[in-house]
C-alpha atoms as a PDB file:
ATOM      1  CA  MET A   1      -0.270  -0.095  -0.027  1.00  0.00           C
ATOM      2  CA  PRO A   2       1.382   3.476  -0.983  1.00  0.00           C
ATOM      3  CA  PRO A   3       2.175   5.813   1.806  1.00  0.00           C
ATOM      4  CA  PRO A   4      -0.408   8.179   2.355  1.00  0.00           C
ATOM      5  CA  VAL A   5      -0.127  11.717   0.615  1.00  0.00           C
ATOM      6  CA  VAL A   6       0.606  14.511   3.298  1.00  0.00           C
ATOM      7  CA  ILE A   7      -0.124  18.034   1.967  1.00  0.00           C
ATOM      8  CA  ALA A   8       2.248  20.917   2.843  1.00  0.00           C
ATOM      9  CA  SER A   9       1.620  22.623   5.918  1.00  0.00           C
ATOM     10  CA  ARG A  10       0.668  25.935   4.452  1.00  0.00           C
ATOM     11  CA  TRP A  11      -2.379  24.025   2.565  1.00  0.00           C
ATOM     12  CA  CYS A  12      -3.086  21.548   5.098  1.00  0.00           C
ATOM     13  CA  HIS A  13      -6.427  23.144   5.604  1.00  0.00           C
ATOM     14  CA  LEU A  14      -7.637  22.834   1.842  1.00  0.00           C
ATOM     15  CA  GLN A  15     -10.027  20.495   0.689  1.00  0.00           C
ATOM     16  CA  ALA A  16     -10.952  21.428  -3.129  1.00  0.00           C
ATOM     17  CA  VAL A  17      -9.173  23.069  -5.858  1.00  0.00           C
ATOM     18  CA  LEU A  18     -11.467  24.903  -8.461  1.00  0.00           C
ATOM     19  CA  PHE A  19     -10.232  25.682 -11.934  1.00  0.00           C
ATOM     20  CA  ASP A  20     -11.151  28.279 -14.365  1.00  0.00           C
ATOM     21  CA  LEU A  21     -11.556  26.016 -18.022  1.00  0.00           C
ATOM     22  CA  ASP A  22     -10.416  27.933 -21.016  1.00  0.00           C
ATOM     23  CA  GLY A  23      -6.625  28.824 -20.892  1.00  0.00           C
ATOM     24  CA  THR A  24      -6.033  27.157 -17.467  1.00  0.00           C
ATOM     25  CA  LEU A  25      -7.401  23.370 -17.828  1.00  0.00           C
ATOM     26  CA  VAL A  26      -7.852  23.261 -21.590  1.00  0.00           C
ATOM     27  CA  ASP A  27      -6.362  25.316 -24.608  1.00  0.00           C
ATOM     28  CA  SER A  28      -9.101  26.374 -26.727  1.00  0.00           C
ATOM     29  CA  ALA A  29      -7.807  29.174 -28.563  1.00  0.00           C
ATOM     30  CA  GLU A  30      -7.457  27.578 -31.977  1.00  0.00           C
ATOM     31  CA  ASP A  31     -11.272  26.658 -32.149  1.00  0.00           C
ATOM     32  CA  LEU A  32     -12.376  29.989 -30.655  1.00  0.00           C
ATOM     33  CA  ALA A  33     -10.038  31.633 -33.488  1.00  0.00           C
ATOM     34  CA  ARG A  34     -11.591  29.655 -36.219  1.00  0.00           C
ATOM     35  CA  ALA A  35     -15.129  30.475 -35.515  1.00  0.00           C
ATOM     36  CA  ALA A  36     -14.037  34.320 -35.511  1.00  0.00           C
ATOM     37  CA  ASN A  37     -12.085  33.847 -38.922  1.00  0.00           C
ATOM     38  CA  ALA A  38     -15.135  31.947 -40.583  1.00  0.00           C
ATOM     39  CA  MET A  39     -16.971  35.117 -39.858  1.00  0.00           C
ATOM     40  CA  ARG A  40     -14.402  37.356 -41.303  1.00  0.00           C
ATOM     41  CA  VAL A  41     -14.045  35.215 -44.550  1.00  0.00           C
ATOM     42  CA  ASP A  42     -17.733  35.336 -45.099  1.00  0.00           C
ATOM     43  CA  ARG A  43     -17.713  39.059 -44.843  1.00  0.00           C
ATOM     44  CA  GLY A  44     -15.223  39.585 -47.182  1.00  0.00           C
ATOM     45  CA  LEU A  45     -12.277  40.016 -44.749  1.00  0.00           C
ATOM     46  CA  ALA A  46      -8.834  38.095 -44.589  1.00  0.00           C
ATOM     47  CA  PRO A  47      -8.424  35.846 -41.669  1.00  0.00           C
ATOM     48  CA  LEU A  48      -6.200  36.940 -38.794  1.00  0.00           C
ATOM     49  CA  PRO A  49      -3.292  35.003 -37.222  1.00  0.00           C
ATOM     50  CA  LEU A  50      -3.969  32.444 -34.291  1.00  0.00           C
ATOM     51  CA  ALA A  51      -1.358  34.717 -32.323  1.00  0.00           C
ATOM     52  CA  GLN A  52      -3.564  37.597 -32.461  1.00  0.00           C
ATOM     53  CA  TYR A  53      -6.543  35.787 -30.818  1.00  0.00           C
ATOM     54  CA  ARG A  54      -4.892  33.661 -28.387  1.00  0.00           C
ATOM     55  CA  PRO A  55      -4.226  36.200 -25.618  1.00  0.00           C
ATOM     56  CA  HIS A  56      -7.811  36.854 -25.698  1.00  0.00           C
ATOM     57  CA  GLY A  57      -9.071  33.174 -25.464  1.00  0.00           C
ATOM     58  CA  GLY A  58      -9.968  33.413 -22.132  1.00  0.00           C
ATOM     59  CA  SER A  59     -12.805  36.297 -22.809  1.00  0.00           C
ATOM     60  CA  GLY A  60     -14.880  34.026 -25.169  1.00  0.00           C
ATOM     61  CA  ALA A  61     -17.280  35.697 -27.887  1.00  0.00           C
ATOM     62  CA  ARG A  62     -16.013  39.303 -26.296  1.00  0.00           C
ATOM     63  CA  GLY A  63     -12.451  38.705 -26.873  1.00  0.00           C
ATOM     64  CA  MET A  64     -12.669  37.080 -30.057  1.00  0.00           C
ATOM     65  CA  LEU A  65     -14.994  39.818 -31.628  1.00  0.00           C
ATOM     66  CA  ALA A  66     -13.065  42.433 -30.117  1.00  0.00           C
ATOM     67  CA  GLN A  67      -9.975  41.268 -32.371  1.00  0.00           C
ATOM     68  CA  ALA A  68     -11.973  40.192 -35.127  1.00  0.00           C
ATOM     69  CA  PHE A  69     -14.099  43.199 -35.944  1.00  0.00           C
ATOM     70  CA  ASP A  70     -13.024  45.712 -33.369  1.00  0.00           C
ATOM     71  CA  VAL A  71     -16.517  45.763 -31.484  1.00  0.00           C
ATOM     72  CA  GLY A  72     -17.455  45.242 -28.248  1.00  0.00           C
ATOM     73  CA  PRO A  73     -20.601  44.867 -26.132  1.00  0.00           C
ATOM     74  CA  GLY A  74     -23.114  47.574 -26.386  1.00  0.00           C
ATOM     75  CA  GLN A  75     -22.129  48.720 -29.545  1.00  0.00           C
ATOM     76  CA  ALA A  76     -24.216  48.470 -32.833  1.00  0.00           C
ATOM     77  CA  GLY A  77     -24.376  44.986 -34.378  1.00  0.00           C
ATOM     78  CA  TYR A  78     -22.370  43.429 -31.397  1.00  0.00           C
ATOM     79  CA  ASP A  79     -25.373  41.156 -30.317  1.00  0.00           C
ATOM     80  CA  GLU A  80     -26.122  39.951 -33.777  1.00  0.00           C
ATOM     81  CA  LEU A  81     -22.010  39.120 -34.353  1.00  0.00           C
ATOM     82  CA  LYS A  82     -22.144  37.407 -30.836  1.00  0.00           C
ATOM     83  CA  ARG A  83     -24.967  35.091 -32.004  1.00  0.00           C
ATOM     84  CA  ASP A  84     -23.374  34.321 -35.003  1.00  0.00           C
ATOM     85  CA  PHE A  85     -20.118  33.650 -33.088  1.00  0.00           C
ATOM     86  CA  LEU A  86     -21.581  31.243 -30.636  1.00  0.00           C
ATOM     87  CA  ASP A  87     -23.510  29.347 -33.072  1.00  0.00           C
ATOM     88  CA  ARG A  88     -20.345  28.922 -35.234  1.00  0.00           C
ATOM     89  CA  TYR A  89     -18.521  27.723 -32.124  1.00  0.00           C
ATOM     90  CA  GLU A  90     -20.825  25.292 -31.084  1.00  0.00           C
ATOM     91  CA  GLY A  91     -20.334  23.373 -34.088  1.00  0.00           C
ATOM     92  CA  LEU A  92     -16.484  23.283 -33.951  1.00  0.00           C
ATOM     93  CA  MET A  93     -15.654  23.590 -30.415  1.00  0.00           C
ATOM     94  CA  PHE A  94     -14.693  19.843 -30.214  1.00  0.00           C
ATOM     95  CA  ASP A  95     -12.287  19.989 -32.963  1.00  0.00           C
ATOM     96  CA  SER A  96      -8.707  20.994 -31.409  1.00  0.00           C
ATOM     97  CA  THR A  97      -9.402  21.843 -28.034  1.00  0.00           C
ATOM     98  CA  GLN A  98      -7.612  19.556 -25.608  1.00  0.00           C
ATOM     99  CA  PRO A  99      -6.326  19.469 -21.964  1.00  0.00           C
ATOM    100  CA  PHE A 100      -2.894  21.427 -21.715  1.00  0.00           C
ATOM    101  CA  ALA A 101       0.129  19.110 -21.196  1.00  0.00           C
ATOM    102  CA  GLY A 102       0.391  18.029 -17.895  1.00  0.00           C
ATOM    103  CA  VAL A 103      -3.084  18.659 -16.677  1.00  0.00           C
ATOM    104  CA  MET A 104      -4.716  15.167 -16.630  1.00  0.00           C
ATOM    105  CA  GLU A 105      -1.542  14.292 -14.427  1.00  0.00           C
ATOM    106  CA  GLU A 106      -2.278  17.341 -12.377  1.00  0.00           C
ATOM    107  CA  LEU A 107      -5.998  16.278 -11.757  1.00  0.00           C
ATOM    108  CA  GLN A 108      -5.224  12.831 -10.867  1.00  0.00           C
ATOM    109  CA  GLY A 109      -2.683  14.014  -8.359  1.00  0.00           C
ATOM    110  CA  LEU A 110      -5.306  15.962  -6.887  1.00  0.00           C
ATOM    111  CA  ASN A 111      -7.396  12.597  -6.661  1.00  0.00           C
ATOM    112  CA  THR A 112      -4.611  10.660  -5.176  1.00  0.00           C
ATOM    113  CA  ALA A 113      -4.319  13.559  -2.538  1.00  0.00           C
ATOM    114  CA  GLY A 114      -7.990  13.284  -1.740  1.00  0.00           C
ATOM    115  CA  LEU A 115      -8.697  16.886  -2.770  1.00  0.00           C
ATOM    116  CA  ALA A 116     -11.963  17.476  -4.465  1.00  0.00           C
ATOM    117  CA  TRP A 117     -11.761  19.138  -7.572  1.00  0.00           C
ATOM    118  CA  GLY A 118     -14.038  21.280  -9.770  1.00  0.00           C
ATOM    119  CA  ILE A 119     -14.538  23.832 -12.812  1.00  0.00           C
ATOM    120  CA  VAL A 120     -15.843  27.515 -12.506  1.00  0.00           C
ATOM    121  CA  THR A 121     -15.986  29.319 -15.902  1.00  0.00           C
ATOM    122  CA  ASN A 122     -17.473  32.083 -17.635  1.00  0.00           C
ATOM    123  CA  LYS A 123     -18.332  29.895 -20.650  1.00  0.00           C
ATOM    124  CA  ALA A 124     -22.092  29.332 -20.540  1.00  0.00           C
ATOM    125  CA  GLU A 125     -23.283  25.675 -19.749  1.00  0.00           C
ATOM    126  CA  ARG A 126     -24.405  25.148 -23.568  1.00  0.00           C
ATOM    127  CA  PHE A 127     -20.842  24.796 -24.220  1.00  0.00           C
ATOM    128  CA  ALA A 128     -19.051  24.171 -21.045  1.00  0.00           C
ATOM    129  CA  LEU A 129     -20.933  20.901 -19.917  1.00  0.00           C
ATOM    130  CA  PRO A 130     -20.473  19.163 -23.233  1.00  0.00           C
ATOM    131  CA  LEU A 131     -16.830  20.182 -23.790  1.00  0.00           C
ATOM    132  CA  VAL A 132     -15.773  18.814 -20.369  1.00  0.00           C
ATOM    133  CA  ALA A 133     -17.718  15.877 -20.728  1.00  0.00           C
ATOM    134  CA  ALA A 134     -16.261  15.114 -24.111  1.00  0.00           C
ATOM    135  CA  LEU A 135     -12.723  15.577 -22.762  1.00  0.00           C
ATOM    136  CA  GLY A 136     -13.165  13.371 -19.683  1.00  0.00           C
ATOM    137  CA  LEU A 137     -12.544  16.122 -17.003  1.00  0.00           C
ATOM    138  CA  ARG A 138     -14.200  14.273 -14.203  1.00  0.00           C
ATOM    139  CA  ALA A 139     -15.080  17.208 -12.078  1.00  0.00           C
ATOM    140  CA  ALA A 140     -16.901  17.043  -8.877  1.00  0.00           C
ATOM    141  CA  VAL A 141     -18.782  20.278  -9.936  1.00  0.00           C
ATOM    142  CA  VAL A 142     -18.968  22.424 -12.968  1.00  0.00           C
ATOM    143  CA  VAL A 143     -20.605  26.209 -12.875  1.00  0.00           C
ATOM    144  CA  GLY A 144     -20.369  27.884 -15.941  1.00  0.00           C
ATOM    145  CA  GLY A 145     -21.200  31.565 -16.783  1.00  0.00           C
ATOM    146  CA  ASP A 146     -24.906  31.278 -16.862  1.00  0.00           C
ATOM    147  CA  THR A 147     -25.334  29.083 -13.652  1.00  0.00           C
ATOM    148  CA  THR A 148     -25.510  32.014 -11.360  1.00  0.00           C
ATOM    149  CA  ALA A 149     -26.881  35.692 -11.939  1.00  0.00           C
ATOM    150  CA  HIS A 150     -23.259  36.982 -12.495  1.00  0.00           C
ATOM    151  CA  THR A 151     -20.052  36.077 -13.824  1.00  0.00           C
ATOM    152  CA  LYS A 152     -16.401  36.574 -12.776  1.00  0.00           C
ATOM    153  CA  PRO A 153     -15.083  38.394 -11.442  1.00  0.00           C
ATOM    154  CA  HIS A 154     -18.117  38.520  -9.205  1.00  0.00           C
ATOM    155  CA  PRO A 155     -17.762  35.994  -6.364  1.00  0.00           C
ATOM    156  CA  ALA A 156     -21.039  34.222  -6.993  1.00  0.00           C
ATOM    157  CA  PRO A 157     -20.171  31.644  -9.456  1.00  0.00           C
ATOM    158  CA  LEU A 158     -17.192  30.540  -7.014  1.00  0.00           C
ATOM    159  CA  LEU A 159     -19.536  30.551  -3.751  1.00  0.00           C
ATOM    160  CA  GLU A 160     -21.672  28.340  -5.872  1.00  0.00           C
ATOM    161  CA  ALA A 161     -19.169  25.991  -6.541  1.00  0.00           C
ATOM    162  CA  ALA A 162     -18.290  25.677  -2.784  1.00  0.00           C
ATOM    163  CA  ARG A 163     -21.968  25.422  -1.838  1.00  0.00           C
ATOM    164  CA  ARG A 164     -22.498  22.425  -4.237  1.00  0.00           C
ATOM    165  CA  LEU A 165     -19.348  20.617  -2.715  1.00  0.00           C
ATOM    166  CA  SER A 166     -20.872  21.375   0.615  1.00  0.00           C
ATOM    167  CA  LEU A 167     -17.578  23.412   1.713  1.00  0.00           C
ATOM    168  CA  PRO A 168     -16.783  26.819   3.012  1.00  0.00           C
ATOM    169  CA  PRO A 169     -14.916  28.840   0.468  1.00  0.00           C
ATOM    170  CA  GLU A 170     -11.948  29.299   2.931  1.00  0.00           C
ATOM    171  CA  VAL A 171     -11.131  25.560   2.143  1.00  0.00           C
ATOM    172  CA  CYS A 172     -10.999  26.128  -1.410  1.00  0.00           C
ATOM    173  CA  LEU A 173      -8.106  27.236  -3.933  1.00  0.00           C
ATOM    174  CA  TYR A 174      -9.199  28.939  -7.197  1.00  0.00           C
ATOM    175  CA  VAL A 175      -6.776  28.664  -9.985  1.00  0.00           C
ATOM    176  CA  GLY A 176      -6.976  30.769 -13.295  1.00  0.00           C
ATOM    177  CA  ASP A 177      -5.101  32.315 -15.985  1.00  0.00           C
ATOM    178  CA  ASP A 178      -7.009  35.690 -16.086  1.00  0.00           C
ATOM    179  CA  GLU A 179      -6.868  38.913 -13.357  1.00  0.00           C
ATOM    180  CA  ARG A 180     -10.772  38.129 -13.345  1.00  0.00           C
ATOM    181  CA  ASP A 181     -10.180  34.771 -11.643  1.00  0.00           C
ATOM    182  CA  ILE A 182      -7.937  36.299  -9.083  1.00  0.00           C
ATOM    183  CA  LEU A 183     -10.364  38.930  -8.238  1.00  0.00           C
ATOM    184  CA  ALA A 184     -13.244  36.475  -7.987  1.00  0.00           C
ATOM    185  CA  GLY A 185     -11.170  34.023  -5.702  1.00  0.00           C
ATOM    186  CA  ARG A 186     -10.163  36.607  -3.743  1.00  0.00           C
ATOM    187  CA  ALA A 187     -13.628  38.176  -3.496  1.00  0.00           C
ATOM    188  CA  ALA A 188     -15.055  34.807  -2.478  1.00  0.00           C
ATOM    189  CA  GLY A 189     -12.736  34.233   0.481  1.00  0.00           C
ATOM    190  CA  MET A 190     -10.754  31.679  -1.499  1.00  0.00           C
ATOM    191  CA  ALA A 191      -6.980  31.207  -1.641  1.00  0.00           C
ATOM    192  CA  THR A 192      -5.841  31.946  -5.577  1.00  0.00           C
ATOM    193  CA  ALA A 193      -3.305  30.911  -7.972  1.00  0.00           C
ATOM    194  CA  ALA A 194      -2.248  32.294 -11.240  1.00  0.00           C
ATOM    195  CA  ALA A 195      -1.953  29.900 -14.240  1.00  0.00           C
ATOM    196  CA  ALA A 196       1.066  31.283 -16.072  1.00  0.00           C
ATOM    197  CA  TRP A 197       0.788  29.098 -18.955  1.00  0.00           C
ATOM    198  CA  GLY A 198      -2.670  30.252 -20.059  1.00  0.00           C
ATOM    199  CA  TYR A 199      -3.829  33.139 -21.937  1.00  0.00           C
ATOM    200  CA  LEU A 200      -3.265  35.696 -19.287  1.00  0.00           C
ATOM    201  CA  GLY A 201      -5.606  38.361 -20.698  1.00  0.00           C
ATOM    202  CA  ALA A 202      -4.736  41.400 -22.769  1.00  0.00           C
ATOM    203  CA  ARG A 203      -1.970  42.697 -20.741  1.00  0.00           C
ATOM    204  CA  GLY A 204      -0.179  39.160 -20.734  1.00  0.00           C
ATOM    205  CA  GLU A 205       0.998  40.168 -16.926  1.00  0.00           C
ATOM    206  CA  PHE A 206       0.247  38.270 -13.512  1.00  0.00           C
ATOM    207  CA  ALA A 207       2.898  39.458 -10.840  1.00  0.00           C
ATOM    208  CA  HIS A 208       0.459  42.567 -10.230  1.00  0.00           C
ATOM    209  CA  TRP A 209      -2.537  40.152  -9.517  1.00  0.00           C
ATOM    210  CA  GLU A 210      -1.269  39.193  -5.970  1.00  0.00           C
ATOM    211  CA  ALA A 211      -2.268  35.781  -6.236  1.00  0.00           C
ATOM    212  CA  ASP A 212      -1.228  33.164  -3.497  1.00  0.00           C
ATOM    213  CA  LEU A 213       0.484  30.981  -6.104  1.00  0.00           C
ATOM    214  CA  ALA A 214       2.000  31.725  -9.248  1.00  0.00           C
ATOM    215  CA  LEU A 215       1.858  28.517 -11.637  1.00  0.00           C
ATOM    216  CA  HIS A 216       4.064  28.305 -14.437  1.00  0.00           C
ATOM    217  CA  ALA A 217       3.316  24.681 -15.363  1.00  0.00           C
ATOM    218  CA  PRO A 218       0.275  22.595 -14.351  1.00  0.00           C
ATOM    219  CA  GLY A 219       2.700  20.341 -12.429  1.00  0.00           C
ATOM    220  CA  ASP A 220       3.907  23.190 -10.265  1.00  0.00           C
ATOM    221  CA  LEU A 221       0.386  22.951  -8.338  1.00  0.00           C
ATOM    222  CA  LEU A 222       1.194  19.685  -6.901  1.00  0.00           C
ATOM    223  CA  LYS A 223       4.504  20.642  -5.970  1.00  0.00           C
ATOM    224  CA  ALA A 224       3.299  23.918  -4.069  1.00  0.00           C
ATOM    225  CA  LEU A 225       0.876  21.557  -2.203  1.00  0.00           C
ATOM    226  CA  GLY A 226       3.647  19.221  -1.271  1.00  0.00           C
ATOM    227  CA  VAL A 227       2.245  16.169  -3.216  1.00  0.00           C
ATOM    228  CA  ALA A 228       4.288  15.944  -6.292  1.00  0.00           C
END
């Protein structure tokens, strides 16, 4: 029988780890970009390089449309473009999206350590639930962008995940690749970790986010917790 896993003393109170989805657990940037570029081509515009879209992958339709058409919420035509984008993305979201290298081993390590893990994403349930299932991510809980009345950086989705796990938020750690994730985790009373392998948002910085942990690869989480 293997020896029992002992979590590092700093984290001995921890009972669950919650993750953002796009840019933290899975790399979906190519499929998001393809949906946006298909819209550009249909409108007589040249496709844009993946590198231009990639930093904005965590912002979903809002981020892709800002790059593809320089338009944002509240502006003329945005809602129609968003509907078109989401319909196109739904048809190809399984094409290229995969967990980042090391993620599945990371999740198995949490299982071995006896820590519950779940997903809190701004991606609507319409997309998040089938994608999580297709990728074999056996999360204890999945909270989408429309599960509660608010999206991150509001703490409501994280608090809902903790509620579904029957845990107080202070025994949870939230991991994400956007400053909104850290703000949401802090507002929910959770410890936070910045996933530096992810999309990192428009500014591409994370040092100023003041997360409790800075993780440069998925395996760093297990090392930080002392269970690697």
